[in-house]
Protein backbone atom coordinates (compact mmCIF):
# COMPACT_ATOMS: atom_id res chain seq x y z
CA MET A 1 105.55 -31.52 -3.50
CA LYS A 2 107.08 -34.15 -1.20
CA LYS A 3 109.98 -31.78 -0.50
CA LEU A 4 107.54 -29.00 0.45
CA ILE A 5 105.66 -31.26 2.85
CA ILE A 6 108.90 -32.42 4.50
CA THR A 7 110.11 -28.80 4.84
CA VAL A 8 106.80 -27.63 6.43
CA ALA A 9 106.73 -30.63 8.78
CA THR A 10 110.30 -29.97 9.86
CA ALA A 11 109.53 -26.28 10.50
CA LEU A 12 106.43 -27.13 12.54
CA ALA A 13 108.36 -29.68 14.59
CA ALA A 14 111.09 -27.13 15.32
CA LEU A 15 108.52 -24.50 16.26
CA SER A 16 106.70 -27.00 18.50
CA ALA A 17 109.95 -27.91 20.26
CA THR A 18 110.76 -24.23 20.80
CA VAL A 19 107.28 -23.40 22.14
CA SER A 20 107.27 -26.49 24.36
CA CYS A 21 110.64 -25.62 25.88
CA SER A 22 109.54 -22.04 26.47
CA PHE A 23 106.27 -23.21 27.93
CA PHE A 24 107.89 -25.53 30.46
CA GLU A 25 110.51 -22.93 31.24
CA LEU A 26 107.81 -20.40 32.22
CA ASP A 27 105.63 -22.89 34.09
CA ASN A 28 108.13 -24.21 36.62
CA PHE A 29 106.85 -22.46 39.79
CA ASP A 30 105.52 -24.41 42.75
CA GLY A 31 101.75 -24.75 42.95
CA PRO A 32 99.48 -23.80 45.86
CA ASN A 33 100.65 -25.45 49.08
CA ALA A 34 97.86 -24.56 51.52
CA GLU A 35 94.10 -24.66 51.96
CA VAL A 36 91.78 -22.94 54.39
CA THR A 37 88.28 -23.45 55.77
CA GLY A 38 86.56 -21.14 58.18
CA ASN A 39 83.46 -19.19 59.14
CA LEU A 40 82.38 -15.61 59.58
CA ILE A 41 81.72 -15.42 63.31
CA ASP A 42 79.85 -12.69 65.17
CA MET A 43 82.59 -11.44 67.50
CA VAL A 44 80.03 -10.59 70.21
CA THR A 45 77.82 -13.70 70.25
CA GLY A 46 80.29 -16.26 68.85
CA GLU A 47 77.66 -17.49 66.38
CA LYS A 48 78.01 -18.04 62.63
CA MET A 49 76.80 -15.07 60.63
CA SER A 50 74.12 -16.06 58.13
CA LEU A 51 73.94 -14.36 54.73
CA GLU A 52 71.64 -13.93 51.77
CA ALA A 53 71.22 -17.11 49.72
CA SER A 54 71.94 -17.10 46.00
CA MET A 55 72.76 -19.72 43.40
CA SER A 56 75.92 -19.37 41.30
CA GLN A 57 77.87 -21.59 38.94
CA SER A 58 81.58 -21.78 38.28
CA PHE A 59 83.92 -24.07 36.39
CA SER A 60 85.97 -26.51 38.49
CA TRP A 61 89.45 -27.20 37.07
CA THR A 62 89.67 -30.16 39.43
CA THR A 63 86.63 -32.04 38.10
CA TRP A 64 86.42 -30.26 34.72
CA SER A 65 82.74 -29.55 35.23
CA MET A 66 80.34 -26.80 36.26
CA VAL A 67 79.82 -26.58 40.02
CA THR A 68 76.71 -25.04 41.57
CA ALA A 69 77.33 -23.13 44.79
CA VAL A 70 74.94 -21.49 47.21
CA ASP A 71 76.75 -18.34 48.15
CA TYR A 72 76.54 -14.58 47.92
CA GLY A 73 79.19 -12.28 49.35
CA ALA A 74 82.95 -12.61 49.47
CA ILE A 75 86.01 -11.90 51.55
CA VAL A 76 88.61 -10.01 49.49
CA VAL A 77 92.08 -11.30 50.41
CA TYR A 78 95.48 -9.72 49.68
CA GLU A 79 98.74 -11.65 50.08
CA GLN A 80 101.23 -9.42 51.89
CA GLY A 81 104.70 -8.89 50.45
CA TYR A 82 104.25 -11.26 47.50
CA VAL A 83 106.13 -10.38 44.32
CA PRO A 84 106.52 -12.99 41.54
CA PRO A 85 110.08 -14.21 40.81
CA THR A 86 109.85 -12.78 37.30
CA TRP A 87 109.48 -9.22 38.62
CA GLU A 88 112.88 -7.50 38.39
CA GLY A 89 112.01 -4.05 39.75
CA ASN A 90 111.40 -2.62 43.20
CA PRO A 91 108.90 -4.84 45.08
CA GLU A 92 106.97 -1.74 46.13
CA ASP A 93 106.48 -0.88 42.46
CA TYR A 94 104.95 -4.27 41.54
CA PRO A 95 101.56 -3.31 40.02
CA GLY A 96 99.78 -6.41 41.32
CA LYS A 97 100.73 -6.07 44.98
CA ASP A 98 97.33 -4.58 45.88
CA SER A 99 95.24 -6.95 43.76
CA GLY A 100 93.02 -9.20 45.84
CA GLN A 101 91.30 -12.52 45.35
CA ASN A 102 87.68 -13.19 46.24
CA TRP A 103 86.89 -16.00 48.67
CA MET A 104 83.19 -16.69 48.28
CA VAL A 105 81.19 -17.11 51.50
CA ARG A 106 78.32 -19.60 51.66
CA PHE A 107 75.03 -18.36 53.01
CA ASP A 108 75.63 -20.28 56.25
CA GLY A 109 78.75 -18.16 56.85
CA GLN A 110 81.39 -20.72 55.78
CA PHE A 111 84.20 -20.13 53.28
CA THR A 112 86.71 -22.57 51.74
CA ASN A 113 89.75 -22.19 49.50
CA THR A 114 91.68 -25.35 48.62
CA MET A 115 94.25 -23.68 46.33
CA VAL A 116 96.11 -20.96 48.18
CA PHE A 117 99.73 -20.27 49.09
CA ALA A 118 101.09 -20.25 52.62
CA GLY A 119 101.85 -16.70 53.71
CA THR A 120 100.57 -13.59 55.45
CA TYR A 121 97.30 -12.10 54.25
CA LYS A 122 95.14 -9.06 54.79
CA TYR A 123 91.41 -9.12 54.18
CA THR A 124 88.46 -6.80 53.72
CA LEU A 125 84.74 -7.53 53.42
CA GLN A 126 82.83 -7.15 50.18
CA THR A 127 79.85 -4.77 50.24
CA LYS A 128 77.42 -7.68 49.82
CA LEU A 129 78.32 -8.87 53.31
CA PRO A 130 76.05 -7.24 55.94
CA CYS A 131 78.83 -6.54 58.43
CA TYR A 132 81.50 -3.95 59.12
CA ASN A 133 85.07 -4.13 57.89
CA PRO A 134 87.58 -5.06 60.60
CA GLU A 135 89.62 -2.50 62.49
CA SER A 136 93.19 -1.91 61.32
CA GLY A 137 95.49 -4.53 62.77
CA LYS A 138 92.70 -7.07 63.15
CA ASP A 139 92.58 -7.78 59.42
CA ILE A 140 95.83 -9.77 59.18
CA PHE A 141 96.12 -13.56 59.29
CA VAL A 142 98.78 -16.19 58.52
CA LEU A 143 98.29 -19.43 56.61
CA LYS A 144 100.76 -22.28 57.05
CA GLU A 145 101.43 -25.07 54.57
CA GLY A 146 98.75 -27.77 54.53
CA LYS A 147 95.28 -27.43 56.03
CA ASN A 148 94.27 -24.34 57.97
CA ARG A 149 91.21 -23.68 60.10
CA MET A 150 90.49 -19.99 60.52
CA ASP A 151 87.37 -18.18 61.70
CA ILE A 152 87.05 -14.45 61.04
CA GLY A 153 85.35 -12.28 63.65
CA VAL A 154 82.93 -9.71 62.24
CA LEU A 155 80.37 -7.26 63.59
CA PRO A 156 76.98 -7.52 61.82
CA PHE A 157 74.85 -4.50 61.00
CA CYS A 158 72.14 -6.01 63.22
CA ARG A 159 71.08 -9.29 64.84
CA VAL A 160 67.79 -11.21 64.89
CA LYS A 161 67.37 -12.07 68.56
CA ASP A 162 65.27 -14.80 70.21
CA PRO A 163 63.61 -15.98 66.96
CA LYS A 164 60.62 -18.27 67.42
CA ILE A 165 58.58 -19.86 64.63
CA SER A 166 55.24 -21.61 65.19
CA TYR A 167 52.14 -22.77 63.31
CA ASP A 168 48.65 -21.68 64.30
CA ALA A 169 46.25 -24.44 63.16
CA SER A 170 43.12 -22.32 63.67
CA SER A 171 44.23 -19.50 61.36
CA LYS A 172 46.51 -21.71 59.25
CA LYS A 173 49.34 -19.21 59.54
CA MET A 174 53.05 -19.51 60.15
CA ILE A 175 54.00 -17.04 62.88
CA ALA A 176 57.42 -15.58 63.65
CA THR A 177 58.28 -13.53 66.73
CA PHE A 178 61.65 -11.91 67.40
CA TYR A 179 63.58 -8.81 68.42
CA VAL A 180 66.23 -6.89 66.50
CA GLU A 181 69.48 -5.61 68.01
CA LEU A 182 71.81 -3.15 66.28
CA GLY A 183 75.41 -4.25 65.85
CA ASP A 184 76.82 -0.75 66.39
CA PRO A 185 74.27 2.06 66.98
CA SER A 186 76.92 4.68 66.17
CA ARG A 187 77.03 3.40 62.58
CA ALA A 188 73.97 1.70 61.01
CA ASN A 189 71.36 3.06 63.43
CA LYS A 190 67.97 2.38 61.84
CA ILE A 191 66.09 -0.89 61.33
CA SER A 192 64.56 -0.21 57.94
CA ASN A 193 62.89 -3.55 57.19
CA VAL A 194 62.18 -7.03 58.53
CA ILE A 195 61.07 -10.10 56.59
CA PHE A 196 59.70 -13.60 57.19
CA SER A 197 60.78 -15.76 54.25
CA GLY A 198 60.30 -19.38 53.24
CA ASN A 199 61.30 -21.92 50.61
CA THR A 200 60.68 -25.55 49.72
CA GLN A 201 64.42 -26.22 49.91
CA LEU A 202 67.06 -25.50 52.50
CA PHE A 203 68.43 -22.45 50.72
CA VAL A 204 66.29 -19.57 51.99
CA GLY A 205 67.04 -15.91 51.39
CA GLY A 206 65.31 -12.57 51.65
CA ASN A 207 65.90 -10.82 48.33
CA ASN A 208 66.51 -14.18 46.63
CA MET A 209 65.18 -17.73 46.98
CA ASN A 210 62.08 -16.71 48.89
CA LEU A 211 58.65 -18.11 47.96
CA ALA A 212 56.76 -16.48 50.86
CA LYS A 213 54.70 -13.32 50.57
CA ASP A 214 54.68 -12.22 54.17
CA HIS A 215 51.71 -10.43 55.72
CA LYS A 216 52.64 -7.95 58.39
CA PRO A 217 50.06 -7.18 61.09
CA ALA A 218 52.92 -5.53 62.96
CA LYS A 219 54.76 -2.67 61.29
CA ALA A 220 57.62 -4.00 59.18
CA GLN A 221 59.51 -0.78 58.56
CA ASN A 222 61.32 1.49 60.99
CA VAL A 223 60.84 -0.83 63.92
CA ASN A 224 62.65 -0.05 67.15
CA PRO A 225 65.55 -2.06 68.58
CA GLY A 226 64.36 -4.35 71.38
CA GLU A 227 60.73 -4.18 70.24
CA LEU A 228 58.86 -7.51 69.97
CA ILE A 229 57.99 -8.06 66.31
CA THR A 230 55.41 -10.49 64.95
CA LEU A 231 55.19 -11.50 61.28
CA GLU A 232 52.79 -13.99 59.71
CA ILE A 233 52.62 -16.04 56.52
CA ASP A 234 49.14 -17.18 55.46
CA THR A 235 49.46 -20.76 54.20
CA THR A 236 46.10 -20.50 52.35
CA ALA A 237 46.82 -17.26 50.48
CA PRO A 238 46.99 -17.68 46.68
CA GLU A 239 50.26 -15.72 46.53
CA ASN A 240 51.87 -18.37 48.75
CA ALA A 241 50.69 -21.32 46.64
CA ASN A 242 54.18 -22.25 45.41
CA LEU A 243 55.33 -22.65 49.00
CA PHE A 244 52.40 -24.70 50.32
CA LYS A 245 50.80 -26.51 47.36
CA TYR A 246 52.43 -29.90 48.11
CA SER A 247 51.08 -31.36 51.35
CA THR A 248 53.88 -33.96 51.65
CA GLN A 249 56.75 -31.47 51.40
CA ASP A 250 58.89 -30.13 54.24
CA ARG A 251 59.50 -26.37 54.20
CA TYR A 252 62.19 -24.02 55.46
CA PHE A 253 61.78 -20.59 57.06
CA ARG A 254 64.04 -17.74 58.05
CA ILE A 255 63.71 -14.27 59.60
CA GLY A 256 65.67 -11.32 58.22
CA ALA A 257 66.30 -7.78 59.46
CA MET A 258 67.85 -4.87 57.62
CA ALA A 259 69.78 -2.07 59.33
CA GLU A 260 71.15 1.05 57.64
CA GLY A 261 72.25 4.60 58.35
CA ASN A 262 75.28 6.90 58.33
CA GLY A 263 76.29 5.61 54.90
CA TYR A 264 76.16 1.90 55.81
CA ASN A 265 74.01 -0.54 53.79
CA SER A 266 72.98 2.44 51.69
CA GLU A 267 73.53 1.03 48.19
CA LYS A 268 70.62 0.29 45.83
CA ASN A 269 70.58 -3.41 46.76
CA LYS A 270 70.45 -3.58 50.56
CA TYR A 271 71.25 -6.65 52.60
CA TYR A 272 69.64 -8.51 55.47
CA ASN A 273 71.08 -10.11 58.55
CA PHE A 274 69.32 -13.39 59.29
CA SER A 275 68.17 -15.78 61.97
CA PRO A 276 69.01 -19.49 61.70
CA ILE A 277 66.93 -21.50 59.25
CA PHE A 278 64.05 -23.56 60.67
CA LYS A 279 62.75 -26.77 59.10
CA VAL A 280 58.97 -27.31 59.32
CA SER A 281 57.54 -30.77 58.65
CA ALA A 282 54.96 -31.22 55.90
CA ASP A 283 52.10 -31.52 58.41
CA PHE A 284 53.39 -28.56 60.52
CA SER A 285 53.72 -30.79 63.60
CA LYS A 286 57.50 -30.46 63.97
CA ILE A 287 59.65 -27.33 63.82
CA GLU A 288 63.40 -27.52 64.37
CA GLU A 289 66.47 -25.38 63.74
CA VAL A 290 68.73 -26.65 60.97
CA GLN A 291 72.09 -27.81 62.30
CA TRP A 292 74.72 -27.11 59.64
CA ASP A 293 77.16 -29.73 60.88
CA THR A 294 74.68 -32.44 59.83
CA VAL A 295 73.96 -31.01 56.37
CA GLU A 296 75.60 -32.73 53.38
CA TRP A 297 76.75 -30.37 50.59
């Protein structure tokens, strides 16, 4: 019996040594040597492009814990000319050369990737992003070793222009006024919906994370570009109770507009372009635009 135990132990030790050597032999490539932070920027106005808000969770290998993110769409990024050292065939035949990686975009338009390789990349925009894909030649960027700051210029389907939010004490209604401008009338050419949304936390969306049931004295569908639009939220309506039931709580509001047409934004789940988010004090006396540079994540 003792001989059997010794023999098994010796065999396991030999196997372990073999596996360990093979493991270290295969895992001797350099790790990521670059990181990037940037924003989706409206190439016409120079402003950050706001997106739908949605909660997601992912596992962080850095902290070994679940991380909650407030994001929605993604930039799909392809490293140009990369072929792993283990590939022995023609680089053009490497099956993974066209496989991309998703860089998630926060709902304030910012993206970050802290584990990426320096190199030349090409990108495209995921369908959940309410903007057009870049023209050929404008979709290439270079990352150097270390930290990179890179903003990506995009053209939104539409823009919420001159948004104003106020509170009418006599009617006890939140009121939003604004115009909508098409990003490119030759593509998405119809404003199919507008929305006035609110939440008790900073993360406000249209399809998601919206506690407001907006009442629309002005037409909310098929509005015309450049037309003044007014939307209201009744703070006393029972359907808005979750948004207004706590009298000591600040609230956050946002205006959204949806453009579609000619095959753009035509999928089952359609996406809004948004105004900035506005913070309204608990007593409705102060309304201010949220400044992202001061927000702690």
